[in-house]
N, C-alpha and C. Protein backbone atom coordinates (compact mmCIF):
# COMPACT_ATOMS: atom_id res chain seq x y z
N MET A 1 -25.57 -39.27 25.43
CA MET A 1 -25.05 -40.55 25.87
C MET A 1 -23.54 -40.44 26.01
N ARG A 2 -23.02 -41.13 27.00
CA ARG A 2 -21.58 -41.11 27.23
C ARG A 2 -20.92 -42.29 26.52
N ARG A 3 -19.77 -42.04 25.93
CA ARG A 3 -19.00 -43.10 25.30
C ARG A 3 -18.27 -43.90 26.37
N CYS A 4 -18.14 -45.21 26.14
CA CYS A 4 -17.46 -46.06 27.09
C CYS A 4 -16.82 -47.24 26.37
N LYS A 5 -15.96 -47.96 27.10
CA LYS A 5 -15.39 -49.20 26.60
C LYS A 5 -15.42 -50.20 27.74
N GLY A 6 -15.26 -51.49 27.42
CA GLY A 6 -15.28 -52.46 28.50
C GLY A 6 -15.40 -53.89 28.04
N THR A 7 -15.95 -54.71 28.93
CA THR A 7 -16.07 -56.14 28.73
C THR A 7 -17.46 -56.58 29.14
N TYR A 8 -18.03 -57.52 28.38
CA TYR A 8 -19.32 -58.10 28.75
C TYR A 8 -19.29 -59.59 28.50
N THR A 9 -20.20 -60.31 29.13
CA THR A 9 -20.31 -61.75 28.98
C THR A 9 -21.62 -62.07 28.27
N LYS A 10 -21.54 -63.01 27.31
CA LYS A 10 -22.72 -63.39 26.54
C LYS A 10 -22.75 -64.90 26.40
N TYR A 11 -23.94 -65.48 26.50
CA TYR A 11 -24.10 -66.93 26.39
C TYR A 11 -24.11 -67.33 24.92
N ASN A 12 -23.26 -68.30 24.54
CA ASN A 12 -23.21 -68.85 23.20
C ASN A 12 -24.02 -70.14 23.19
N ILE A 13 -25.16 -70.12 22.52
CA ILE A 13 -26.08 -71.27 22.52
C ILE A 13 -25.44 -72.49 21.86
N GLU A 14 -24.72 -72.28 20.76
CA GLU A 14 -24.12 -73.40 20.04
C GLU A 14 -23.05 -74.12 20.88
N LYS A 15 -22.24 -73.35 21.59
CA LYS A 15 -21.17 -73.93 22.41
C LYS A 15 -21.64 -74.29 23.82
N ARG A 16 -22.84 -73.81 24.18
CA ARG A 16 -23.41 -74.03 25.51
C ARG A 16 -22.47 -73.54 26.63
N MET A 17 -21.96 -72.32 26.44
CA MET A 17 -21.08 -71.73 27.44
C MET A 17 -21.08 -70.21 27.32
N TYR A 18 -20.66 -69.56 28.39
CA TYR A 18 -20.54 -68.11 28.37
C TYR A 18 -19.21 -67.72 27.76
N GLU A 19 -19.22 -66.61 26.99
CA GLU A 19 -18.01 -66.09 26.38
C GLU A 19 -17.85 -64.63 26.78
N THR A 20 -16.62 -64.21 26.98
CA THR A 20 -16.32 -62.83 27.33
C THR A 20 -15.90 -62.08 26.08
N HIS A 21 -16.46 -60.89 25.89
CA HIS A 21 -16.16 -60.06 24.72
C HIS A 21 -15.74 -58.67 25.19
N ASP A 22 -14.76 -58.10 24.52
CA ASP A 22 -14.34 -56.72 24.79
C ASP A 22 -14.97 -55.81 23.75
N PHE A 23 -15.24 -54.57 24.13
CA PHE A 23 -15.68 -53.57 23.16
C PHE A 23 -14.91 -52.29 23.40
N GLU A 24 -14.50 -51.66 22.30
CA GLU A 24 -13.68 -50.44 22.38
C GLU A 24 -14.53 -49.18 22.41
N THR A 25 -15.73 -49.25 21.84
CA THR A 25 -16.63 -48.09 21.83
C THR A 25 -18.05 -48.57 22.05
N GLY A 26 -18.69 -47.97 23.00
CA GLY A 26 -20.10 -48.22 23.27
C GLY A 26 -20.73 -46.93 23.75
N TYR A 27 -22.05 -46.90 23.83
CA TYR A 27 -22.77 -45.72 24.27
C TYR A 27 -23.60 -46.08 25.49
N PHE A 28 -23.20 -45.53 26.63
CA PHE A 28 -23.87 -45.78 27.90
C PHE A 28 -25.23 -45.11 27.90
N HIS A 29 -26.28 -45.88 28.23
CA HIS A 29 -27.64 -45.32 28.32
C HIS A 29 -28.01 -45.03 29.77
N GLN A 30 -27.90 -46.04 30.64
CA GLN A 30 -28.22 -45.84 32.05
C GLN A 30 -27.79 -47.06 32.84
N TRP A 31 -27.92 -46.96 34.17
CA TRP A 31 -27.63 -48.09 35.05
C TRP A 31 -28.87 -48.97 35.17
N GLY A 32 -28.64 -50.24 35.40
CA GLY A 32 -29.73 -51.19 35.58
C GLY A 32 -29.36 -52.20 36.65
N CYS A 33 -30.20 -53.19 36.83
CA CYS A 33 -29.98 -54.23 37.83
C CYS A 33 -30.24 -55.59 37.19
N ASN A 34 -29.39 -56.55 37.47
CA ASN A 34 -29.56 -57.90 36.97
C ASN A 34 -29.46 -58.84 38.16
N TYR A 35 -29.72 -60.12 37.96
CA TYR A 35 -29.66 -61.07 39.06
C TYR A 35 -29.19 -62.42 38.56
N GLU A 36 -28.74 -63.23 39.49
CA GLU A 36 -28.35 -64.61 39.20
C GLU A 36 -28.95 -65.48 40.28
N GLU A 37 -29.53 -66.60 39.88
CA GLU A 37 -30.16 -67.52 40.84
C GLU A 37 -29.13 -68.47 41.43
N PHE A 38 -29.17 -68.61 42.73
CA PHE A 38 -28.34 -69.57 43.45
C PHE A 38 -29.24 -70.50 44.25
N GLU A 39 -28.69 -71.55 44.80
CA GLU A 39 -29.49 -72.47 45.61
C GLU A 39 -30.09 -71.78 46.83
N THR A 40 -29.40 -70.76 47.32
CA THR A 40 -29.87 -70.06 48.51
C THR A 40 -30.72 -68.84 48.19
N GLY A 41 -30.95 -68.57 46.90
CA GLY A 41 -31.77 -67.42 46.51
C GLY A 41 -31.10 -66.62 45.41
N ALA A 42 -31.67 -65.47 45.13
CA ALA A 42 -31.16 -64.62 44.05
C ALA A 42 -30.08 -63.68 44.56
N GLY A 43 -29.10 -63.41 43.69
CA GLY A 43 -28.08 -62.41 43.98
C GLY A 43 -28.20 -61.28 42.98
N ASN A 44 -28.42 -60.06 43.46
CA ASN A 44 -28.59 -58.89 42.60
C ASN A 44 -27.27 -58.16 42.43
N TYR A 45 -27.07 -57.56 41.24
CA TYR A 45 -25.87 -56.76 41.01
C TYR A 45 -26.17 -55.68 39.97
N SER A 46 -25.40 -54.59 40.02
CA SER A 46 -25.60 -53.46 39.12
C SER A 46 -24.94 -53.71 37.77
N VAL A 47 -25.61 -53.27 36.72
CA VAL A 47 -25.09 -53.38 35.36
C VAL A 47 -25.27 -52.04 34.64
N ALA A 48 -24.47 -51.86 33.61
CA ALA A 48 -24.62 -50.71 32.73
C ALA A 48 -25.39 -51.17 31.50
N ILE A 49 -26.27 -50.35 30.99
CA ILE A 49 -26.97 -50.66 29.75
C ILE A 49 -26.23 -49.89 28.66
N VAL A 50 -25.57 -50.65 27.76
CA VAL A 50 -24.68 -50.07 26.77
C VAL A 50 -25.11 -50.49 25.37
N GLU A 51 -25.14 -49.53 24.45
CA GLU A 51 -25.43 -49.81 23.05
C GLU A 51 -24.11 -49.85 22.28
N LEU A 52 -23.87 -50.94 21.57
CA LEU A 52 -22.68 -51.07 20.75
C LEU A 52 -22.91 -50.40 19.40
N PRO A 53 -21.86 -50.07 18.64
CA PRO A 53 -22.03 -49.42 17.33
C PRO A 53 -22.89 -50.24 16.37
N THR A 54 -22.98 -51.55 16.57
CA THR A 54 -23.82 -52.41 15.72
C THR A 54 -25.29 -52.31 16.06
N GLY A 55 -25.63 -51.64 17.17
CA GLY A 55 -27.00 -51.54 17.62
C GLY A 55 -27.35 -52.56 18.68
N GLU A 56 -26.46 -53.51 18.94
CA GLU A 56 -26.70 -54.53 19.98
C GLU A 56 -26.63 -53.89 21.36
N ILE A 57 -27.52 -54.31 22.25
CA ILE A 57 -27.52 -53.83 23.63
C ILE A 57 -26.89 -54.89 24.50
N VAL A 58 -25.91 -54.49 25.33
CA VAL A 58 -25.25 -55.41 26.25
C VAL A 58 -25.33 -54.82 27.65
N MET A 59 -25.16 -55.68 28.65
CA MET A 59 -25.25 -55.24 30.05
C MET A 59 -24.02 -55.72 30.83
N PRO A 60 -22.89 -55.01 30.68
CA PRO A 60 -21.71 -55.39 31.46
C PRO A 60 -21.91 -55.02 32.92
N VAL A 61 -21.27 -55.78 33.81
CA VAL A 61 -21.35 -55.43 35.23
C VAL A 61 -20.68 -54.07 35.42
N ALA A 62 -21.08 -53.37 36.46
CA ALA A 62 -20.68 -51.98 36.66
C ALA A 62 -19.17 -51.77 36.67
N ASP A 63 -18.41 -52.70 37.23
CA ASP A 63 -16.97 -52.49 37.30
C ASP A 63 -16.23 -52.96 36.05
N ASP A 64 -16.96 -53.35 34.99
CA ASP A 64 -16.33 -53.77 33.74
C ASP A 64 -16.46 -52.75 32.62
N ILE A 65 -16.83 -51.50 32.95
CA ILE A 65 -16.86 -50.46 31.92
C ILE A 65 -16.00 -49.29 32.37
N GLN A 66 -15.52 -48.56 31.38
CA GLN A 66 -14.74 -47.36 31.65
C GLN A 66 -15.27 -46.26 30.74
N PHE A 67 -15.60 -45.11 31.33
CA PHE A 67 -16.11 -44.00 30.53
C PHE A 67 -14.95 -43.31 29.82
N LEU A 68 -15.20 -42.92 28.57
CA LEU A 68 -14.20 -42.24 27.75
C LEU A 68 -14.47 -40.75 27.75
N GLU A 69 -13.48 -39.99 27.31
CA GLU A 69 -13.65 -38.54 27.23
C GLU A 69 -14.74 -38.21 26.23
N ALA A 70 -15.40 -37.11 26.45
CA ALA A 70 -16.49 -36.69 25.57
C ALA A 70 -15.96 -36.41 24.17
N GLU A 71 -16.77 -36.67 23.18
CA GLU A 71 -16.40 -36.36 21.79
C GLU A 71 -16.38 -34.85 21.62
N PRO A 72 -15.42 -34.34 20.85
CA PRO A 72 -15.39 -32.88 20.65
C PRO A 72 -16.63 -32.40 19.89
N LYS A 73 -17.16 -31.26 20.31
CA LYS A 73 -18.33 -30.70 19.65
C LYS A 73 -17.89 -29.91 18.44
N LEU A 74 -18.63 -30.04 17.36
CA LEU A 74 -18.28 -29.32 16.13
C LEU A 74 -18.92 -27.95 16.09
């Protein structure tokens, strides 16, 4: 898995709004696809599937992640 950093958006149920969160270290698994419904139909966009150090899986949009240099091998 490749290390990465970036930004993702998550819905806060208590506040009833989306919040943006930054992460300094994550582990990229693969690319995926997400969508958003509009009055005129669905809009598809690419996302990264990223595992955070806490084990949480997030899906930032493709242009909101940056790959980091590989960890040195021991």
